[in-house]
Amino acid sequence: MTIERIRAASERLARHARVTPLLSSPFLDEIADRRVLIKAECLQHTGSFKYRGARAALSALDTQTLSRGVIAFSSGNHAQGVARAAQELAAPAVIVMPSDAPALKIANTRALGAEVVLYDRATEDRNAIGAELAATRGLTLVKPFDDPEVIAGQGTCGLEIAEQARARGITEAEVLVCCGGGGLSAGIALALEAEAPGLRLRTVEPEGFDDVARSLAAGEITPHGRPEAGLCDAVLTPAPGTLTFPVLARLAGPGLAVSDTDVLHAMALAFQRLKVVAEPGGAVALAAALFSPEVEADTVIVTISGGNVEASVFARALETL
């Protein structure tokens, strides 16, 4: 992984991915007792940063490979990103999704033209299902985070953060990033290393599913060992990736974990003060900025990485106000 690969992805994404805003609210600053700036990736195409990595990966494929189609495994946001990118590039897309994924994410993936194959994550092996489909149809696998081009695409978010921070005169800050397998975190960390070395990245995960934080503390990949089911479905992965972890081990500060209660409250505050809709997994970094005693920086930049939330879950969040 290099900054040159991220810059190349940025060129391919130009005029396709949105440059998402860096938002602020004095009300949130007061709650956090620090300056909080929010990178609103929930306003990206398909409602999450995943479009960046998907478009970067698919646009790096040759025409013949694209024509055969792509396959991806996802509980929702990567699914939608791949479906949208495939639709734009006229490539067939098959998405293998757990049957208990949020209904909104399944519906959106189908609406973007992808074929959705559902599986029971308790009794079926998605890797076996995907391998058979890929072999039978000649499909190319687009991994959700442990792929160089996907990481590069996510890194374009980091290029934007560096530029937007520079425009505000910010040279030192902690950058809190919602983290599952580490694709967004690793990409942003690499971009910041080159473009804004005074900005230090820290990963944020839900309590109990903080495999990246545990891995960073242990110095080696350490799975959390729990079933991948919970409120913050978008960031529930068993362990960081083999490509993402070495980047984070070199560049990231100590990982953070937040409670579901704080996540729901952060979602409500994002809506109330920013008029932004965040899904639970997309709000973990904001929850850390607002409520974690382990965050001590005077200025923090946080990602709201996704906004694809079901109405019932969003209603639960609003009840915390």
Protein backbone atom coordinates (compact mmCIF):
# COMPACT_ATOMS: atom_id res chain seq x y z
CA MET A 1 0.00 0.00 0.00
CA THR A 2 1.39 3.39 -1.05
CA ILE A 3 0.22 6.97 -1.26
CA GLU A 4 0.73 6.73 -5.03
CA ARG A 5 -1.95 4.04 -5.23
CA ILE A 6 -4.32 6.25 -3.23
CA ARG A 7 -3.64 9.22 -5.50
CA ALA A 8 -4.26 7.05 -8.57
CA ALA A 9 -7.57 5.93 -7.06
CA SER A 10 -8.42 9.58 -6.44
CA GLU A 11 -7.92 10.35 -10.12
CA ARG A 12 -10.22 7.48 -11.12
CA LEU A 13 -12.86 8.60 -8.61
CA ALA A 14 -12.81 12.23 -9.72
CA ARG A 15 -16.27 13.34 -10.91
CA HIS A 16 -17.74 10.09 -9.56
CA ALA A 17 -17.33 10.05 -5.76
CA ARG A 18 -18.65 13.01 -3.83
CA VAL A 19 -16.29 15.25 -1.88
CA THR A 20 -18.13 15.01 1.43
CA PRO A 21 -18.27 18.01 3.78
CA LEU A 22 -16.50 18.56 7.08
CA LEU A 23 -19.25 19.71 9.43
CA SER A 24 -19.26 21.28 12.87
CA SER A 25 -21.65 22.36 15.60
CA PRO A 26 -20.97 24.53 18.67
CA PHE A 27 -23.46 22.36 20.56
CA LEU A 28 -21.38 19.23 19.91
CA ASP A 29 -18.19 21.11 20.81
CA GLU A 30 -19.76 22.01 24.15
CA ILE A 31 -20.79 18.42 24.89
CA ALA A 32 -17.34 17.09 24.00
CA ASP A 33 -15.47 19.99 25.59
CA ARG A 34 -13.29 20.16 22.50
CA ARG A 35 -13.50 21.12 18.84
CA VAL A 36 -15.26 18.37 16.87
CA LEU A 37 -15.30 18.25 13.08
CA ILE A 38 -17.39 15.60 11.34
CA LYS A 39 -16.50 14.06 7.97
CA ALA A 40 -19.97 13.15 6.73
CA GLU A 41 -19.40 10.04 4.61
CA CYS A 42 -23.06 9.19 5.19
CA LEU A 43 -23.63 11.72 2.38
CA GLN A 44 -21.49 9.69 -0.04
CA HIS A 45 -23.20 7.76 -2.88
CA THR A 46 -25.13 4.77 -1.46
CA GLY A 47 -24.99 6.36 1.99
CA SER A 48 -21.51 5.26 3.04
CA PHE A 49 -17.78 5.50 2.31
CA LYS A 50 -17.89 2.01 0.80
CA TYR A 51 -18.66 3.44 -2.64
CA ARG A 52 -15.14 4.87 -2.77
CA GLY A 53 -13.42 1.52 -2.37
CA ALA A 54 -15.85 -0.33 -4.61
CA ARG A 55 -15.54 2.17 -7.47
CA ALA A 56 -11.74 2.25 -7.10
CA ALA A 57 -11.51 -1.55 -7.21
CA LEU A 58 -13.88 -2.04 -10.13
CA SER A 59 -12.39 0.80 -12.18
CA ALA A 60 -8.97 -0.88 -11.85
CA LEU A 61 -10.24 -4.04 -13.60
CA ASP A 62 -9.81 -4.60 -17.33
CA THR A 63 -12.84 -4.57 -19.63
CA GLN A 64 -12.97 -8.34 -20.11
CA THR A 65 -12.86 -9.05 -16.38
CA LEU A 66 -15.58 -6.46 -15.75
CA SER A 67 -17.81 -7.99 -18.41
CA ARG A 68 -17.79 -11.35 -16.59
CA GLY A 69 -18.95 -9.65 -13.40
CA VAL A 70 -17.99 -9.28 -9.76
CA ILE A 71 -19.03 -10.86 -6.48
CA ALA A 72 -18.92 -9.48 -2.94
CA PHE A 73 -19.80 -10.54 0.61
CA SER A 74 -21.47 -7.89 2.73
CA SER A 75 -24.11 -7.16 5.36
CA GLY A 76 -25.04 -4.03 3.47
CA ASN A 77 -22.80 -1.02 2.84
CA HIS A 78 -20.10 -2.76 0.81
CA ALA A 79 -22.92 -4.52 -1.03
CA GLN A 80 -24.48 -1.23 -2.05
CA GLY A 81 -21.15 0.31 -2.98
CA VAL A 82 -20.25 -2.60 -5.25
CA ALA A 83 -23.75 -2.68 -6.74
CA ARG A 84 -23.64 1.05 -7.55
CA ALA A 85 -20.12 0.89 -9.02
CA ALA A 86 -21.00 -2.19 -11.07
CA GLN A 87 -24.14 -0.50 -12.37
CA GLU A 88 -22.13 2.56 -13.44
CA LEU A 89 -19.53 0.39 -15.18
CA ALA A 90 -22.11 -1.94 -16.77
CA ALA A 91 -20.77 -4.99 -14.95
CA PRO A 92 -22.92 -7.81 -13.51
CA ALA A 93 -22.78 -7.97 -9.71
CA VAL A 94 -23.66 -10.79 -7.30
CA ILE A 95 -23.80 -9.94 -3.60
CA VAL A 96 -23.84 -12.63 -0.91
CA MET A 97 -25.65 -11.18 2.11
CA PRO A 98 -26.71 -12.62 5.48
CA SER A 99 -30.46 -13.11 5.66
CA ASP A 100 -30.57 -11.09 8.89
CA ALA A 101 -28.94 -8.03 7.32
CA PRO A 102 -31.03 -4.85 7.63
CA ALA A 103 -33.94 -5.08 5.18
CA LEU A 104 -33.21 -1.58 3.90
CA LYS A 105 -29.69 -2.56 2.85
CA ILE A 106 -30.91 -5.72 1.08
CA ALA A 107 -33.61 -3.75 -0.75
CA ASN A 108 -31.20 -0.99 -1.76
CA THR A 109 -28.68 -3.50 -3.11
CA ARG A 110 -31.32 -5.11 -5.29
CA ALA A 111 -32.59 -1.71 -6.42
CA LEU A 112 -29.08 -0.91 -7.68
CA GLY A 113 -29.28 -3.88 -10.05
CA ALA A 114 -27.29 -6.50 -8.16
CA GLU A 115 -28.32 -10.12 -7.74
CA VAL A 116 -28.60 -10.78 -4.00
CA VAL A 117 -27.91 -14.28 -2.66
CA LEU A 118 -29.01 -14.63 0.96
CA TYR A 119 -27.50 -17.10 3.44
CA ASP A 120 -27.96 -18.06 7.08
CA ARG A 121 -24.80 -16.96 8.86
CA ALA A 122 -25.46 -19.44 11.68
CA THR A 123 -25.65 -22.54 9.49
CA GLU A 124 -24.10 -21.68 6.10
CA ASP A 125 -20.60 -20.72 4.94
CA ARG A 126 -20.62 -17.56 2.84
CA ASN A 127 -17.10 -18.29 1.59
CA ALA A 128 -18.19 -21.66 0.21
CA ILE A 129 -21.27 -20.11 -1.39
CA GLY A 130 -19.21 -17.32 -2.92
CA ALA A 131 -16.46 -19.64 -4.13
CA GLU A 132 -18.96 -21.83 -5.96
CA LEU A 133 -20.65 -18.84 -7.60
CA ALA A 134 -17.33 -17.28 -8.59
CA ALA A 135 -16.03 -20.51 -10.10
CA THR A 136 -19.27 -21.28 -11.95
CA ARG A 137 -19.74 -17.81 -13.42
CA GLY A 138 -16.17 -16.53 -13.64
CA LEU A 139 -16.82 -13.68 -11.20
CA THR A 140 -14.09 -11.56 -9.60
CA LEU A 141 -14.22 -11.20 -5.82
CA VAL A 142 -14.22 -7.64 -4.46
CA LYS A 143 -13.24 -7.89 -0.81
CA PRO A 144 -14.81 -5.42 1.66
CA PHE A 145 -11.52 -4.21 3.16
CA ASP A 146 -8.51 -6.49 2.62
CA ASP A 147 -7.82 -5.48 -0.98
CA PRO A 148 -5.20 -2.93 -2.11
CA GLU A 149 -7.50 -1.08 -4.49
CA VAL A 150 -10.35 -1.00 -2.00
CA ILE A 151 -8.03 0.41 0.68
CA ALA A 152 -6.76 2.96 -1.84
CA GLY A 153 -10.30 4.05 -2.64
CA GLN A 154 -11.09 4.50 1.05
CA GLY A 155 -7.86 6.45 1.38
CA THR A 156 -9.29 9.17 -0.84
CA CYS A 157 -11.40 10.14 2.17
CA GLY A 158 -8.13 10.79 3.99
CA LEU A 159 -6.87 13.02 1.18
CA GLU A 160 -10.03 15.10 1.57
CA ILE A 161 -9.67 15.27 5.35
CA ALA A 162 -6.09 16.50 4.99
CA GLU A 163 -7.11 19.20 2.52
CA GLN A 164 -10.15 20.29 4.51
CA ALA A 165 -8.15 20.44 7.76
CA ARG A 166 -5.42 22.46 6.06
CA ALA A 167 -8.03 24.92 4.79
CA ARG A 168 -9.11 25.45 8.43
CA GLY A 169 -5.57 25.89 9.68
CA ILE A 170 -5.63 22.59 11.58
CA THR A 171 -2.18 21.01 11.82
CA GLU A 172 -2.70 18.79 14.88
CA ALA A 173 -5.73 16.66 15.73
CA GLU A 174 -6.89 13.14 16.44
CA VAL A 175 -8.84 11.56 13.59
CA LEU A 176 -11.35 9.05 14.96
CA VAL A 177 -12.49 6.52 12.38
CA CYS A 178 -15.30 3.98 12.55
CA CYS A 179 -13.55 0.64 12.12
CA GLY A 180 -14.55 -2.87 11.11
CA GLY A 181 -11.88 -4.69 9.15
CA GLY A 182 -9.77 -1.56 8.85
CA GLY A 183 -10.02 -0.61 5.18
CA LEU A 184 -11.19 2.96 5.82
CA SER A 185 -8.84 3.38 8.78
CA ALA A 186 -5.78 2.07 6.94
CA GLY A 187 -6.51 4.12 3.83
CA ILE A 188 -7.03 7.33 5.82
CA ALA A 189 -3.91 6.66 7.92
CA LEU A 190 -1.75 6.30 4.81
CA ALA A 191 -3.19 9.47 3.29
CA LEU A 192 -2.63 11.45 6.49
CA GLU A 193 0.93 10.18 6.82
CA ALA A 194 1.74 11.76 3.47
CA GLU A 195 -0.48 14.84 3.50
CA ALA A 196 -1.09 15.76 7.17
CA PRO A 197 1.42 14.06 9.48
CA GLY A 198 0.21 16.07 12.49
CA LEU A 199 -3.16 14.31 12.37
CA ARG A 200 -3.09 11.01 14.28
CA LEU A 201 -5.62 8.31 13.47
CA ARG A 202 -7.40 6.24 16.12
CA THR A 203 -9.84 3.43 15.40
CA VAL A 204 -13.24 3.21 17.10
CA GLU A 205 -15.32 0.04 17.50
CA PRO A 206 -18.31 -1.17 19.55
CA GLU A 207 -17.56 -2.58 22.98
CA GLY A 208 -17.07 -6.34 22.84
CA PHE A 209 -16.27 -6.24 19.13
CA ASP A 210 -13.04 -4.24 19.45
CA ASP A 211 -10.78 -6.72 17.70
CA VAL A 212 -8.70 -3.94 16.12
CA ALA A 213 -8.10 -2.24 19.48
CA ARG A 214 -7.15 -5.59 21.01
CA SER A 215 -4.88 -6.39 18.08
CA LEU A 216 -3.14 -3.02 18.32
CA ALA A 217 -2.59 -3.53 22.05
CA ALA A 218 -1.29 -7.09 21.56
CA GLY A 219 0.88 -6.29 18.55
CA GLU A 220 -0.71 -9.09 16.55
CA ILE A 221 -4.09 -9.90 14.99
CA THR A 222 -6.43 -10.88 17.83
CA PRO A 223 -10.03 -11.84 16.94
CA HIS A 224 -12.79 -10.82 19.33
CA GLY A 225 -14.30 -14.31 19.17
CA ARG A 226 -17.97 -13.31 19.23
CA PRO A 227 -20.79 -13.91 16.73
CA GLU A 228 -21.04 -11.10 14.17
CA ALA A 229 -24.41 -9.81 15.37
CA GLY A 230 -25.18 -6.61 17.21
CA LEU A 231 -26.42 -3.06 16.94
CA CYS A 232 -23.45 -1.79 14.92
CA ASP A 233 -23.72 -4.36 12.11
CA ALA A 234 -21.70 -2.30 9.63
CA VAL A 235 -18.48 -2.61 11.66
CA LEU A 236 -18.76 -6.11 13.12
CA THR A 237 -15.85 -8.07 11.67
CA PRO A 238 -14.04 -10.89 13.49
CA ALA A 239 -10.53 -9.46 13.06
CA PRO A 240 -8.58 -6.79 11.19
CA GLY A 241 -7.32 -7.68 7.74
CA THR A 242 -3.89 -9.02 6.93
CA LEU A 243 -3.28 -5.96 4.74
CA THR A 244 -4.92 -3.39 6.99
CA PHE A 245 -3.42 -4.41 10.32
CA PRO A 246 0.26 -3.74 9.52
CA VAL A 247 -0.69 -0.24 8.36
CA LEU A 248 -2.64 0.44 11.54
CA ALA A 249 0.04 -1.10 13.76
CA ARG A 250 2.51 1.39 12.29
CA LEU A 251 0.36 4.51 12.08
CA ALA A 252 -2.64 4.34 14.45
CA GLY A 253 -2.84 5.35 18.09
CA PRO A 254 -4.55 3.15 20.71
CA GLY A 255 -7.96 1.89 19.62
CA LEU A 256 -11.17 3.00 21.29
CA ALA A 257 -14.43 1.18 22.08
CA VAL A 258 -17.86 2.67 22.80
CA SER A 259 -21.12 1.37 24.25
CA ASP A 260 -24.33 0.88 22.28
CA THR A 261 -25.95 3.44 24.59
CA ASP A 262 -23.43 6.10 23.62
CA VAL A 263 -23.76 5.15 19.94
CA LEU A 264 -27.54 5.66 19.98
CA HIS A 265 -27.13 9.01 21.74
CA ALA A 266 -24.51 10.11 19.21
CA MET A 267 -26.90 9.21 16.37
CA ALA A 268 -29.59 11.37 17.96
CA LEU A 269 -27.24 14.30 18.47
CA ALA A 270 -25.98 14.09 14.88
CA PHE A 271 -29.56 14.38 13.70
CA GLN A 272 -30.50 17.11 16.17
CA ARG A 273 -27.42 19.31 15.74
CA LEU A 274 -26.16 18.52 12.23
CA LYS A 275 -29.35 17.34 10.50
CA VAL A 276 -27.39 14.24 9.53
CA VAL A 277 -28.62 10.65 9.67
CA ALA A 278 -26.06 8.14 10.94
CA GLU A 279 -26.41 4.40 11.27
CA PRO A 280 -25.08 2.77 14.46
CA GLY A 281 -21.80 1.53 12.98
CA GLY A 282 -21.33 4.89 11.32
CA ALA A 283 -21.72 6.76 14.61
CA VAL A 284 -19.16 4.97 16.79
CA ALA A 285 -16.43 7.54 16.12
CA LEU A 286 -18.74 10.43 17.00
CA ALA A 287 -19.74 8.60 20.19
CA ALA A 288 -16.07 8.39 21.17
CA ALA A 289 -15.48 12.07 20.42
CA LEU A 290 -18.45 13.10 22.54
CA PHE A 291 -18.32 10.68 25.44
CA SER A 292 -15.04 8.75 25.72
CA PRO A 293 -12.71 9.85 28.54
CA GLU A 294 -9.83 8.34 26.58
CA VAL A 295 -10.02 11.11 23.98
CA GLU A 296 -7.98 14.06 25.22
CA ALA A 297 -7.10 16.02 22.07
CA ASP A 298 -8.29 19.63 21.81
CA THR A 299 -9.41 19.02 18.22
CA VAL A 300 -10.87 15.80 16.84
CA ILE A 301 -12.02 14.94 13.35
CA VAL A 302 -14.48 12.05 13.18
CA THR A 303 -16.02 10.04 10.38
CA ILE A 304 -19.72 9.36 10.21
CA SER A 305 -19.06 6.47 7.89
CA GLY A 306 -22.61 5.46 6.98
CA GLY A 307 -26.24 6.49 7.21
CA ASN A 308 -28.17 3.40 6.13
CA VAL A 309 -30.30 2.86 9.20
CA GLU A 310 -33.70 1.24 9.58
CA ALA A 311 -36.51 3.43 10.90
CA SER A 312 -37.03 1.34 14.04
CA VAL A 313 -33.38 1.63 15.05
CA PHE A 314 -33.33 5.34 14.31
CA ALA A 315 -36.44 5.77 16.45
CA ARG A 316 -34.60 4.08 19.34
CA ALA A 317 -31.81 6.59 18.92
CA LEU A 318 -34.12 9.57 18.96
CA GLU A 319 -35.64 8.34 22.22
CA THR A 320 -32.31 9.14 23.92
CA LEU A 321 -32.80 12.90 23.45
